[in-house]
Amino acid sequence: MSATPLKVSKTELFLGFGKLGAVAFGGTGPISRHILVVERKWLDDADYAALLGLCQALPGANTCNLAVMLGDRYQGGGGACAALAGLLVGPLLIVIGVATLFARTAGQPDMRAALLGATAASAGLVIGTSIRMIRALPFDAPLLIVALATFSTAAFLRLPLALTIGVLLPVSLLLRRFWR
């Protein structure tokens, strides 16, 4: 991992993750990279990919895990709490409002069309972010083999994440060790 910046305050963590929570409709993956890497420069692409990979392997919501880990990195336990609070407060208020609106309009065709459009937009954002992250990685044959195997198990075999990681983690370690 790269060197930690000199100082990221609890307020900056709260506001940075607050922005992430408030604008990340349909998932935080695409916008979290932009805010944390491009805008705030708290991580570089390699650090972001490594930390996100770890967060995805842990139980719980990926971005909550990311907020806790990054907050802890910069400000300890208080930073973890500040980042997580920033991430969750805005969306909680928005979700309460949307749930109230949705309860009143769920049967209307316009609402169904809006939800379908939001789903397509979210899928596009995830694909675009994945492509940007892949471009930032150096070409590495073992990494490519494991990435394709992981994608295949998820997309085609539909194996559970725990099983996929349980099988492919040792495979990736063996590939890394013996591939020269």
Protein backbone atom coordinates (compact mmCIF):
# COMPACT_ATOMS: atom_id res chain seq x y z
CA MET A 1 0.00 0.00 0.00
CA SER A 2 1.15 3.53 -0.64
CA ALA A 3 2.13 5.97 2.05
CA THR A 4 -0.70 7.40 4.11
CA PRO A 5 -1.24 11.15 3.54
CA LEU A 6 -0.13 13.37 6.40
CA LYS A 7 -3.60 14.13 7.73
CA VAL A 8 -7.21 13.37 6.86
CA SER A 9 -9.44 14.78 9.58
CA LYS A 10 -12.55 13.14 11.00
CA THR A 11 -14.59 15.94 9.47
CA GLU A 12 -13.06 15.26 6.04
CA LEU A 13 -13.80 11.55 6.46
CA PHE A 14 -17.40 12.29 7.45
CA LEU A 15 -17.91 14.71 4.54
CA GLY A 16 -16.12 12.54 1.96
CA PHE A 17 -18.09 9.43 2.84
CA GLY A 18 -21.20 11.59 3.30
CA LYS A 19 -20.89 12.69 -0.31
CA LEU A 20 -20.34 9.09 -1.35
CA GLY A 21 -23.46 7.96 0.50
CA ALA A 22 -25.58 10.81 -0.82
CA VAL A 23 -24.70 10.43 -4.53
CA ALA A 24 -24.13 6.68 -4.90
CA PHE A 25 -27.53 5.55 -6.12
CA GLY A 26 -27.67 1.92 -7.18
CA GLY A 27 -24.38 1.02 -5.51
CA THR A 28 -21.27 2.82 -4.43
CA GLY A 29 -18.64 0.99 -6.49
CA PRO A 30 -18.44 3.33 -9.48
CA ILE A 31 -18.57 6.59 -7.55
CA SER A 32 -16.46 5.45 -4.58
CA ARG A 33 -13.41 5.04 -6.79
CA HIS A 34 -13.93 8.52 -8.23
CA ILE A 35 -14.35 10.18 -4.82
CA LEU A 36 -11.60 8.30 -2.97
CA VAL A 37 -8.98 8.05 -5.75
CA VAL A 38 -9.59 10.87 -8.22
CA GLU A 39 -11.22 13.60 -6.15
CA ARG A 40 -9.91 13.22 -2.59
CA LYS A 41 -6.66 11.37 -3.48
CA TRP A 42 -6.86 9.33 -0.28
CA LEU A 43 -5.82 6.20 -2.24
CA ASP A 44 -4.23 5.40 -5.58
CA ASP A 45 -5.81 2.89 -7.97
CA ALA A 46 -3.72 -0.03 -6.72
CA ASP A 47 -4.54 0.69 -3.07
CA TYR A 48 -8.21 1.14 -3.90
CA ALA A 49 -8.35 -2.18 -5.76
CA ALA A 50 -6.53 -4.00 -2.95
CA LEU A 51 -8.67 -2.50 -0.19
CA LEU A 52 -11.91 -3.03 -2.10
CA GLY A 53 -10.93 -6.63 -2.78
CA LEU A 54 -10.36 -7.19 0.92
CA CYS A 55 -13.66 -5.49 1.79
CA GLN A 56 -15.55 -7.69 -0.68
CA ALA A 57 -14.11 -10.82 0.94
CA LEU A 58 -15.30 -9.72 4.40
CA PRO A 59 -18.86 -10.12 5.67
CA GLY A 60 -21.05 -7.04 5.49
CA ALA A 61 -21.55 -4.25 3.02
CA ASN A 62 -18.42 -3.56 0.96
CA THR A 63 -18.55 0.21 1.24
CA CYS A 64 -19.26 0.11 4.98
CA ASN A 65 -16.18 -2.09 5.35
CA LEU A 66 -14.25 0.37 3.17
CA ALA A 67 -15.37 3.35 5.28
CA VAL A 68 -14.36 1.61 8.51
CA MET A 69 -10.96 0.52 7.19
CA LEU A 70 -10.09 3.85 5.61
CA GLY A 71 -11.41 5.83 8.59
CA ASP A 72 -9.33 3.67 10.92
CA ARG A 73 -6.26 4.10 8.73
CA TYR A 74 -6.39 7.89 9.00
CA GLN A 75 -7.97 8.57 12.41
CA GLY A 76 -8.25 5.29 14.31
CA GLY A 77 -11.56 4.18 15.79
CA GLY A 78 -12.99 7.71 15.80
CA GLY A 79 -12.19 8.06 12.12
CA ALA A 80 -13.85 4.73 11.41
CA CYS A 81 -17.00 5.92 13.20
CA ALA A 82 -16.92 9.30 11.41
CA ALA A 83 -16.52 7.72 7.97
CA LEU A 84 -19.25 5.14 8.60
CA ALA A 85 -21.63 7.77 10.01
CA GLY A 86 -21.00 10.01 7.00
CA LEU A 87 -21.68 7.11 4.66
CA LEU A 88 -24.96 6.10 6.32
CA VAL A 89 -26.72 9.26 7.56
CA GLY A 90 -27.60 10.80 4.16
CA PRO A 91 -28.77 7.60 2.51
CA LEU A 92 -30.86 6.69 5.56
CA LEU A 93 -32.81 9.93 5.25
CA ILE A 94 -33.14 9.54 1.48
CA VAL A 95 -34.31 5.91 1.75
CA ILE A 96 -36.96 6.81 4.30
CA GLY A 97 -38.30 9.47 1.93
CA VAL A 98 -38.16 7.22 -1.14
CA ALA A 99 -39.77 4.30 0.72
CA THR A 100 -42.65 6.57 1.69
CA LEU A 101 -43.05 7.75 -1.91
CA PHE A 102 -42.71 4.22 -3.31
CA ALA A 103 -45.36 2.87 -0.95
CA ARG A 104 -47.79 5.36 -2.46
CA THR A 105 -46.83 4.85 -6.15
CA ALA A 106 -45.54 1.25 -6.48
CA GLY A 107 -48.33 0.07 -8.77
CA GLN A 108 -47.99 2.87 -11.32
CA PRO A 109 -46.39 2.07 -14.72
CA ASP A 110 -44.21 5.20 -14.60
CA MET A 111 -42.62 4.03 -11.36
CA ARG A 112 -41.83 0.62 -12.86
CA ALA A 113 -40.24 2.29 -15.91
CA ALA A 114 -38.14 4.55 -13.69
CA LEU A 115 -36.87 1.55 -11.69
CA LEU A 116 -35.96 -0.31 -14.89
CA GLY A 117 -34.00 2.70 -16.13
CA ALA A 118 -32.17 3.02 -12.82
CA THR A 119 -31.22 -0.66 -12.98
CA ALA A 120 -29.72 -0.27 -16.46
CA ALA A 121 -27.78 2.83 -15.41
CA SER A 122 -26.37 1.03 -12.36
CA ALA A 123 -25.21 -1.90 -14.48
CA GLY A 124 -23.45 0.49 -16.86
CA LEU A 125 -21.67 2.25 -14.00
CA VAL A 126 -20.41 -1.04 -12.57
CA ILE A 127 -19.12 -2.20 -15.96
CA GLY A 128 -17.39 1.14 -16.62
CA THR A 129 -15.69 1.16 -13.21
CA SER A 130 -14.55 -2.43 -13.66
CA ILE A 131 -12.94 -1.56 -16.98
CA ARG A 132 -11.12 1.45 -15.44
CA MET A 133 -9.84 -0.68 -12.56
CA ILE A 134 -8.64 -3.45 -14.92
CA ARG A 135 -6.77 -0.90 -17.07
CA ALA A 136 -4.89 0.33 -13.99
CA LEU A 137 -3.53 -3.14 -13.21
CA PRO A 138 -0.27 -4.30 -14.79
CA PHE A 139 -0.53 -7.32 -17.10
CA ASP A 140 0.11 -10.39 -15.03
CA ALA A 141 -0.73 -13.88 -16.37
CA PRO A 142 -1.56 -15.48 -12.97
CA LEU A 143 -3.75 -12.49 -12.09
CA LEU A 144 -5.56 -12.80 -15.41
CA ILE A 145 -6.10 -16.55 -14.91
CA VAL A 146 -7.54 -16.07 -11.43
CA ALA A 147 -9.67 -13.11 -12.55
CA LEU A 148 -11.17 -15.11 -15.41
CA ALA A 149 -11.75 -18.11 -13.14
CA THR A 150 -13.45 -15.88 -10.56
CA PHE A 151 -15.65 -14.25 -13.20
CA SER A 152 -16.55 -17.65 -14.64
CA THR A 153 -17.52 -19.14 -11.29
CA ALA A 154 -19.72 -16.13 -10.52
CA ALA A 155 -21.24 -15.52 -13.95
CA PHE A 156 -21.65 -19.03 -15.32
CA LEU A 157 -21.45 -21.51 -12.45
CA ARG A 158 -23.14 -19.14 -9.95
CA LEU A 159 -21.13 -20.53 -7.05
CA PRO A 160 -21.38 -18.78 -3.66
CA LEU A 161 -18.69 -16.19 -2.93
CA ALA A 162 -17.33 -18.08 0.09
CA LEU A 163 -16.85 -21.23 -1.98
CA THR A 164 -15.28 -19.30 -4.85
CA ILE A 165 -12.81 -17.58 -2.54
CA GLY A 166 -12.14 -20.79 -0.62
CA VAL A 167 -11.14 -22.56 -3.84
CA LEU A 168 -9.49 -19.76 -5.81
CA LEU A 169 -7.45 -18.18 -3.01
CA PRO A 170 -5.16 -21.21 -2.62
CA VAL A 171 -5.02 -21.57 -6.41
CA SER A 172 -3.96 -17.94 -6.77
CA LEU A 173 -1.30 -18.32 -4.08
CA LEU A 174 0.08 -21.43 -5.77
CA LEU A 175 0.07 -19.73 -9.17
CA ARG A 176 1.90 -16.72 -7.75
CA ARG A 177 4.45 -18.90 -6.00
CA PHE A 178 5.29 -21.16 -8.93
CA TRP A 179 4.72 -18.87 -11.94
CA ARG A 180 8.01 -17.41 -13.06
